[in-house]
Amino acid sequence: MDGRPDRASRIIVDLLRSYAEETFVTQTELARRTGLEQSHISRTFNHRVTLTVPSMLALCDGLGVSPMAVMSEALQDC
């Protein structure tokens, strides 16, 4: 793996970013809620790093969305 996100990862990240935008949660607030660095969230949302399972779970928790709901929606978009 070369560090670039695959298609499924890109779809999940786009969904998470959309959830954040729709609920007006800034990256700074999301960092506070998740314990992830704001710069890491930015790199993730801009597809510069591959989304890991722990990061996905933290982001889902920080946004108050079910990881299963995100995965289900992502599968519909694949």
PDB file of N, CA and C in Angstrom:
ATOM      1  N   MET A   1       0.851  -1.180   0.000  1.00  0.00           N
ATOM      2  CA  MET A   1       0.000   0.000   0.000  1.00  0.00           C
ATOM      3  C   MET A   1       0.891   1.236   0.000  1.00  0.00           C
ATOM      4  N   ASP A   2       0.554   2.216  -0.814  1.00  0.00           N
ATOM      5  CA  ASP A   2       1.413   3.389  -0.966  1.00  0.00           C
ATOM      6  C   ASP A   2       0.982   4.584  -0.133  1.00  0.00           C
ATOM      7  N   GLY A   3      -0.007   4.446   0.729  1.00  0.00           N
ATOM      8  CA  GLY A   3      -0.431   5.536   1.589  1.00  0.00           C
ATOM      9  C   GLY A   3      -1.570   6.363   1.040  1.00  0.00           C
ATOM     10  N   ARG A   4      -1.882   6.184  -0.248  1.00  0.00           N
ATOM     11  CA  ARG A   4      -3.011   6.919  -0.822  1.00  0.00           C
ATOM     12  C   ARG A   4      -4.303   6.147  -0.577  1.00  0.00           C
ATOM     13  N   PRO A   5      -5.368   6.861  -0.243  1.00  0.00           N
ATOM     14  CA  PRO A   5      -6.634   6.185   0.050  1.00  0.00           C
ATOM     15  C   PRO A   5      -7.194   5.465  -1.167  1.00  0.00           C
ATOM     16  N   ASP A   6      -7.792   4.287  -0.944  1.00  0.00           N
ATOM     17  CA  ASP A   6      -8.488   3.587  -2.008  1.00  0.00           C
ATOM     18  C   ASP A   6      -9.891   4.162  -2.156  1.00  0.00           C
ATOM     19  N   ARG A   7     -10.639   3.665  -3.124  1.00  0.00           N
ATOM     20  CA  ARG A   7     -11.962   4.221  -3.435  1.00  0.00           C
ATOM     21  C   ARG A   7     -12.910   4.146  -2.230  1.00  0.00           C
ATOM     22  N   ALA A   8     -12.959   2.987  -1.572  1.00  0.00           N
ATOM     23  CA  ALA A   8     -13.868   2.828  -0.428  1.00  0.00           C
ATOM     24  C   ALA A   8     -13.516   3.804   0.691  1.00  0.00           C
ATOM     25  N   SER A   9     -12.243   3.947   0.963  1.00  0.00           N
ATOM     26  CA  SER A   9     -11.803   4.878   1.997  1.00  0.00           C
ATOM     27  C   SER A   9     -12.186   6.305   1.643  1.00  0.00           C
ATOM     28  N   ARG A  10     -12.026   6.667   0.373  1.00  0.00           N
ATOM     29  CA  ARG A  10     -12.381   8.021  -0.071  1.00  0.00           C
ATOM     30  C   ARG A  10     -13.879   8.283   0.132  1.00  0.00           C
ATOM     31  N   ILE A  11     -14.705   7.290  -0.172  1.00  0.00           N
ATOM     32  CA  ILE A  11     -16.152   7.445  -0.010  1.00  0.00           C
ATOM     33  C   ILE A  11     -16.502   7.642   1.463  1.00  0.00           C
ATOM     34  N   ILE A  12     -15.902   6.833   2.338  1.00  0.00           N
ATOM     35  CA  ILE A  12     -16.169   6.946   3.775  1.00  0.00           C
ATOM     36  C   ILE A  12     -15.737   8.313   4.286  1.00  0.00           C
ATOM     37  N   VAL A  13     -14.554   8.753   3.891  1.00  0.00           N
ATOM     38  CA  VAL A  13     -14.065  10.065   4.322  1.00  0.00           C
ATOM     39  C   VAL A  13     -14.989  11.167   3.830  1.00  0.00           C
ATOM     40  N   ASP A  14     -15.419  11.074   2.584  1.00  0.00           N
ATOM     41  CA  ASP A  14     -16.336  12.090   2.059  1.00  0.00           C
ATOM     42  C   ASP A  14     -17.640  12.126   2.854  1.00  0.00           C
ATOM     43  N   LEU A  15     -18.135  10.957   3.246  1.00  0.00           N
ATOM     44  CA  LEU A  15     -19.347  10.909   4.074  1.00  0.00           C
ATOM     45  C   LEU A  15     -19.110  11.553   5.432  1.00  0.00           C
ATOM     46  N   LEU A  16     -17.990  11.219   6.059  1.00  0.00           N
ATOM     47  CA  LEU A  16     -17.682  11.798   7.370  1.00  0.00           C
ATOM     48  C   LEU A  16     -17.522  13.308   7.290  1.00  0.00           C
ATOM     49  N   ARG A  17     -16.845  13.771   6.252  1.00  0.00           N
ATOM     50  CA  ARG A  17     -16.685  15.217   6.069  1.00  0.00           C
ATOM     51  C   ARG A  17     -18.053  15.871   5.861  1.00  0.00           C
ATOM     52  N   SER A  18     -18.923  15.226   5.096  1.00  0.00           N
ATOM     53  CA  SER A  18     -20.279  15.761   4.873  1.00  0.00           C
ATOM     54  C   SER A  18     -21.065  15.829   6.175  1.00  0.00           C
ATOM     55  N   TYR A  19     -20.974  14.776   7.001  1.00  0.00           N
ATOM     56  CA  TYR A  19     -21.649  14.795   8.300  1.00  0.00           C
ATOM     57  C   TYR A  19     -21.148  15.973   9.140  1.00  0.00           C
ATOM     58  N   ALA A  20     -19.842  16.185   9.143  1.00  0.00           N
ATOM     59  CA  ALA A  20     -19.275  17.293   9.922  1.00  0.00           C
ATOM     60  C   ALA A  20     -19.813  18.631   9.414  1.00  0.00           C
ATOM     61  N   GLU A  21     -19.833  18.803   8.097  1.00  0.00           N
ATOM     62  CA  GLU A  21     -20.314  20.059   7.514  1.00  0.00           C
ATOM     63  C   GLU A  21     -21.799  20.264   7.795  1.00  0.00           C
ATOM     64  N   GLU A  22     -22.592  19.204   7.655  1.00  0.00           N
ATOM     65  CA  GLU A  22     -24.041  19.306   7.854  1.00  0.00           C
ATOM     66  C   GLU A  22     -24.411  19.641   9.298  1.00  0.00           C
ATOM     67  N   THR A  23     -23.562  19.243  10.225  1.00  0.00           N
ATOM     68  CA  THR A  23     -23.836  19.497  11.642  1.00  0.00           C
ATOM     69  C   THR A  23     -22.998  20.648  12.192  1.00  0.00           C
ATOM     70  N   PHE A  24     -22.282  21.332  11.296  1.00  0.00           N
ATOM     71  CA  PHE A  24     -21.482  22.504  11.657  1.00  0.00           C
ATOM     72  C   PHE A  24     -20.411  22.195  12.701  1.00  0.00           C
ATOM     73  N   VAL A  25     -19.843  20.981  12.614  1.00  0.00           N
ATOM     74  CA  VAL A  25     -18.753  20.592  13.509  1.00  0.00           C
ATOM     75  C   VAL A  25     -17.442  20.917  12.796  1.00  0.00           C
ATOM     76  N   THR A  26     -16.675  21.830  13.363  1.00  0.00           N
ATOM     77  CA  THR A  26     -15.393  22.203  12.758  1.00  0.00           C
ATOM     78  C   THR A  26     -14.352  21.118  13.026  1.00  0.00           C
ATOM     79  N   GLN A  27     -13.282  21.169  12.274  1.00  0.00           N
ATOM     80  CA  GLN A  27     -12.188  20.232  12.505  1.00  0.00           C
ATOM     81  C   GLN A  27     -11.592  20.426  13.897  1.00  0.00           C
ATOM     82  N   THR A  28     -11.535  21.656  14.355  1.00  0.00           N
ATOM     83  CA  THR A  28     -11.015  21.935  15.698  1.00  0.00           C
ATOM     84  C   THR A  28     -11.906  21.296  16.756  1.00  0.00           C
ATOM     85  N   GLU A  29     -13.210  21.432  16.605  1.00  0.00           N
ATOM     86  CA  GLU A  29     -14.146  20.815  17.543  1.00  0.00           C
ATOM     87  C   GLU A  29     -14.074  19.293  17.452  1.00  0.00           C
ATOM     88  N   LEU A  30     -13.958  18.781  16.249  1.00  0.00           N
ATOM     89  CA  LEU A  30     -13.857  17.335  16.065  1.00  0.00           C
ATOM     90  C   LEU A  30     -12.574  16.799  16.708  1.00  0.00           C
ATOM     91  N   ALA A  31     -11.504  17.552  16.605  1.00  0.00           N
ATOM     92  CA  ALA A  31     -10.248  17.164  17.258  1.00  0.00           C
ATOM     93  C   ALA A  31     -10.437  17.115  18.773  1.00  0.00           C
ATOM     94  N   ARG A  32     -11.129  18.095  19.312  1.00  0.00           N
ATOM     95  CA  ARG A  32     -11.383  18.117  20.753  1.00  0.00           C
ATOM     96  C   ARG A  32     -12.213  16.912  21.175  1.00  0.00           C
ATOM     97  N   ARG A  33     -13.215  16.590  20.373  1.00  0.00           N
ATOM     98  CA  ARG A  33     -14.109  15.475  20.707  1.00  0.00           C
ATOM     99  C   ARG A  33     -13.435  14.108  20.575  1.00  0.00           C
ATOM    100  N   THR A  34     -12.500  13.994  19.653  1.00  0.00           N
ATOM    101  CA  THR A  34     -11.922  12.681  19.335  1.00  0.00           C
ATOM    102  C   THR A  34     -10.541  12.431  19.915  1.00  0.00           C
ATOM    103  N   GLY A  35      -9.817  13.499  20.230  1.00  0.00           N
ATOM    104  CA  GLY A  35      -8.435  13.337  20.656  1.00  0.00           C
ATOM    105  C   GLY A  35      -7.467  13.220  19.495  1.00  0.00           C
ATOM    106  N   LEU A  36      -7.986  13.269  18.268  1.00  0.00           N
ATOM    107  CA  LEU A  36      -7.125  13.278  17.084  1.00  0.00           C
ATOM    108  C   LEU A  36      -6.605  14.688  16.856  1.00  0.00           C
ATOM    109  N   GLU A  37      -5.433  14.798  16.279  1.00  0.00           N
ATOM    110  CA  GLU A  37      -4.898  16.117  15.945  1.00  0.00           C
ATOM    111  C   GLU A  37      -5.734  16.736  14.826  1.00  0.00           C
ATOM    112  N   GLN A  38      -5.964  18.038  14.907  1.00  0.00           N
ATOM    113  CA  GLN A  38      -6.711  18.730  13.851  1.00  0.00           C
ATOM    114  C   GLN A  38      -6.015  18.573  12.518  1.00  0.00           C
ATOM    115  N   SER A  39      -4.691  18.600  12.514  1.00  0.00           N
ATOM    116  CA  SER A  39      -3.942  18.445  11.257  1.00  0.00           C
ATOM    117  C   SER A  39      -4.160  17.058  10.661  1.00  0.00           C
ATOM    118  N   HIS A  40      -4.298  16.044  11.506  1.00  0.00           N
ATOM    119  CA  HIS A  40      -4.561  14.686  11.008  1.00  0.00           C
ATOM    120  C   HIS A  40      -5.960  14.618  10.392  1.00  0.00           C
ATOM    121  N   ILE A  41      -6.924  15.251  11.042  1.00  0.00           N
ATOM    122  CA  ILE A  41      -8.282  15.289  10.504  1.00  0.00           C
ATOM    123  C   ILE A  41      -8.276  15.995   9.153  1.00  0.00           C
ATOM    124  N   SER A  42      -7.563  17.106   9.062  1.00  0.00           N
ATOM    125  CA  SER A  42      -7.468  17.840   7.797  1.00  0.00           C
ATOM    126  C   SER A  42      -6.852  16.968   6.702  1.00  0.00           C
ATOM    127  N   ARG A  43      -5.756  16.293   7.022  1.00  0.00           N
ATOM    128  CA  ARG A  43      -5.106  15.426   6.017  1.00  0.00           C
ATOM    129  C   ARG A  43      -6.031  14.279   5.615  1.00  0.00           C
ATOM    130  N   THR A  44      -6.779  13.762   6.581  1.00  0.00           N
ATOM    131  CA  THR A  44      -7.727  12.688   6.277  1.00  0.00           C
ATOM    132  C   THR A  44      -8.837  13.212   5.372  1.00  0.00           C
ATOM    133  N   PHE A  45      -9.453  14.330   5.752  1.00  0.00           N
ATOM    134  CA  PHE A  45     -10.556  14.884   4.974  1.00  0.00           C
ATOM    135  C   PHE A  45     -10.115  15.334   3.578  1.00  0.00           C
ATOM    136  N   ASN A  46      -8.839  15.629   3.405  1.00  0.00           N
ATOM    137  CA  ASN A  46      -8.312  16.036   2.094  1.00  0.00           C
ATOM    138  C   ASN A  46      -7.646  14.884   1.349  1.00  0.00           C
ATOM    139  N   HIS A  47      -7.871  13.664   1.835  1.00  0.00           N
ATOM    140  CA  HIS A  47      -7.391  12.443   1.189  1.00  0.00           C
ATOM    141  C   HIS A  47      -5.874  12.391   1.045  1.00  0.00           C
ATOM    142  N   ARG A  48      -5.163  12.950   2.013  1.00  0.00           N
ATOM    143  CA  ARG A  48      -3.707  12.893   1.986  1.00  0.00           C
ATOM    144  C   ARG A  48      -3.152  11.732   2.793  1.00  0.00           C
ATOM    145  N   VAL A  49      -3.988  11.154   3.642  1.00  0.00           N
ATOM    146  CA  VAL A  49      -3.619   9.944   4.393  1.00  0.00           C
ATOM    147  C   VAL A  49      -4.774   8.954   4.290  1.00  0.00           C
ATOM    148  N   THR A  50      -4.450   7.701   4.445  1.00  0.00           N
ATOM    149  CA  THR A  50      -5.462   6.656   4.406  1.00  0.00           C
ATOM    150  C   THR A  50      -6.194   6.603   5.741  1.00  0.00           C
ATOM    151  N   LEU A  51      -7.491   6.506   5.679  1.00  0.00           N
ATOM    152  CA  LEU A  51      -8.316   6.389   6.870  1.00  0.00           C
ATOM    153  C   LEU A  51      -8.075   5.028   7.513  1.00  0.00           C
ATOM    154  N   THR A  52      -7.740   5.027   8.790  1.00  0.00           N
ATOM    155  CA  THR A  52      -7.576   3.779   9.531  1.00  0.00           C
ATOM    156  C   THR A  52      -8.868   3.467  10.273  1.00  0.00           C
ATOM    157  N   VAL A  53      -9.030   2.225  10.670  1.00  0.00           N
ATOM    158  CA  VAL A  53     -10.226   1.845  11.418  1.00  0.00           C
ATOM    159  C   VAL A  53     -10.315   2.622  12.731  1.00  0.00           C
ATOM    160  N   PRO A  54      -9.225   2.725  13.509  1.00  0.00           N
ATOM    161  CA  PRO A  54      -9.342   3.512  14.751  1.00  0.00           C
ATOM    162  C   PRO A  54      -9.729   4.974  14.502  1.00  0.00           C
ATOM    163  N   SER A  55      -9.191   5.576  13.461  1.00  0.00           N
ATOM    164  CA  SER A  55      -9.554   6.964  13.142  1.00  0.00           C
ATOM    165  C   SER A  55     -11.011   7.058  12.717  1.00  0.00           C
ATOM    166  N   MET A  56     -11.466   6.103  11.903  1.00  0.00           N
ATOM    167  CA  MET A  56     -12.857   6.111  11.466  1.00  0.00           C
ATOM    168  C   MET A  56     -13.788   5.996  12.670  1.00  0.00           C
ATOM    169  N   LEU A  57     -13.463   5.090  13.592  1.00  0.00           N
ATOM    170  CA  LEU A  57     -14.305   4.909  14.775  1.00  0.00           C
ATOM    171  C   LEU A  57     -14.317   6.167  15.634  1.00  0.00           C
ATOM    172  N   ALA A  58     -13.163   6.803  15.793  1.00  0.00           N
ATOM    173  CA  ALA A  58     -13.089   8.042  16.579  1.00  0.00           C
ATOM    174  C   ALA A  58     -13.900   9.149  15.917  1.00  0.00           C
ATOM    175  N   LEU A  59     -13.777   9.284  14.596  1.00  0.00           N
ATOM    176  CA  LEU A  59     -14.519  10.326  13.882  1.00  0.00           C
ATOM    177  C   LEU A  59     -16.020  10.079  13.963  1.00  0.00           C
ATOM    178  N   CYS A  60     -16.431   8.824  13.798  1.00  0.00           N
ATOM    179  CA  CYS A  60     -17.854   8.499  13.924  1.00  0.00           C
ATOM    180  C   CYS A  60     -18.359   8.862  15.317  1.00  0.00           C
ATOM    181  N   ASP A  61     -17.598   8.493  16.331  1.00  0.00           N
ATOM    182  CA  ASP A  61     -17.987   8.806  17.704  1.00  0.00           C
ATOM    183  C   ASP A  61     -18.072  10.317  17.913  1.00  0.00           C
ATOM    184  N   GLY A  62     -17.087  11.036  17.408  1.00  0.00           N
ATOM    185  CA  GLY A  62     -17.058  12.485  17.551  1.00  0.00           C
ATOM    186  C   GLY A  62     -18.200  13.177  16.830  1.00  0.00           C
ATOM    187  N   LEU A  63     -18.676  12.542  15.760  1.00  0.00           N
ATOM    188  CA  LEU A  63     -19.779  13.120  14.998  1.00  0.00           C
ATOM    189  C   LEU A  63     -21.137  12.568  15.422  1.00  0.00           C
ATOM    190  N   GLY A  64     -21.109  11.574  16.305  1.00  0.00           N
ATOM    191  CA  GLY A  64     -22.365  10.996  16.778  1.00  0.00           C
ATOM    192  C   GLY A  64     -23.084  10.165  15.740  1.00  0.00           C
ATOM    193  N   VAL A  65     -22.319   9.518  14.863  1.00  0.00           N
ATOM    194  CA  VAL A  65     -22.920   8.658  13.839  1.00  0.00           C
ATOM    195  C   VAL A  65     -22.431   7.226  14.042  1.00  0.00           C
ATOM    196  N   SER A  66     -23.259   6.303  13.672  1.00  0.00           N
ATOM    197  CA  SER A  66     -22.936   4.895  13.799  1.00  0.00           C
ATOM    198  C   SER A  66     -21.948   4.474  12.711  1.00  0.00           C
ATOM    199  N   PRO A  67     -20.865   3.806  13.089  1.00  0.00           N
ATOM    200  CA  PRO A  67     -19.945   3.293  12.072  1.00  0.00           C
ATOM    201  C   PRO A  67     -20.653   2.371  11.073  1.00  0.00           C
ATOM    202  N   MET A  68     -21.618   1.592  11.563  1.00  0.00           N
ATOM    203  CA  MET A  68     -22.357   0.701  10.660  1.00  0.00           C
ATOM    204  C   MET A  68     -23.192   1.497   9.657  1.00  0.00           C
ATOM    205  N   ALA A  69     -23.771   2.605  10.096  1.00  0.00           N
ATOM    206  CA  ALA A  69     -24.554   3.445   9.179  1.00  0.00           C
ATOM    207  C   ALA A  69     -23.647   4.044   8.109  1.00  0.00           C
ATOM    208  N   VAL A  70     -22.453   4.472   8.512  1.00  0.00           N
ATOM    209  CA  VAL A  70     -21.494   5.032   7.554  1.00  0.00           C
ATOM    210  C   VAL A  70     -21.078   3.964   6.544  1.00  0.00           C
ATOM    211  N   MET A  71     -20.763   2.780   7.050  1.00  0.00           N
ATOM    212  CA  MET A  71     -20.355   1.697   6.154  1.00  0.00           C
ATOM    213  C   MET A  71     -21.478   1.304   5.202  1.00  0.00           C
ATOM    214  N   SER A  72     -22.692   1.246   5.722  1.00  0.00           N
ATOM    215  CA  SER A  72     -23.840   0.903   4.880  1.00  0.00           C
ATOM    216  C   SER A  72     -24.034   1.924   3.771  1.00  0.00           C
ATOM    217  N   GLU A  73     -23.956   3.189   4.128  1.00  0.00           N
ATOM    218  CA  GLU A  73     -24.111   4.248   3.118  1.00  0.00           C
ATOM    219  C   GLU A  73     -22.961   4.207   2.107  1.00  0.00           C
ATOM    220  N   ALA A  74     -21.758   3.932   2.596  1.00  0.00           N
ATOM    221  CA  ALA A  74     -20.598   3.845   1.702  1.00  0.00           C
ATOM    222  C   ALA A  74     -20.753   2.709   0.711  1.00  0.00           C
ATOM    223  N   LEU A  75     -21.279   1.576   1.162  1.00  0.00           N
ATOM    224  CA  LEU A  75     -21.465   0.429   0.269  1.00  0.00           C
ATOM    225  C   LEU A  75     -22.468   0.764  -0.841  1.00  0.00           C
ATOM    226  N   GLN A  76     -23.460   1.573  -0.542  1.00  0.00           N
ATOM    227  CA  GLN A  76     -24.435   1.976  -1.543  1.00  0.00           C
ATOM    228  C   GLN A  76     -23.780   2.845  -2.622  1.00  0.00           C
ATOM    229  N   ASP A  77     -22.727   3.582  -2.233  1.00  0.00           N
ATOM    230  CA  ASP A  77     -22.057   4.482  -3.162  1.00  0.00           C
ATOM    231  C   ASP A  77     -20.960   3.803  -3.967  1.00  0.00           C
ATOM    232  N   CYS A  78     -20.596   2.579  -3.577  1.00  0.00           N
ATOM    233  CA  CYS A  78     -19.501   1.880  -4.289  1.00  0.00           C
ATOM    234  C   CYS A  78     -19.947   1.323  -5.615  1.00  0.00           C
TER     235      CYS A  78
END
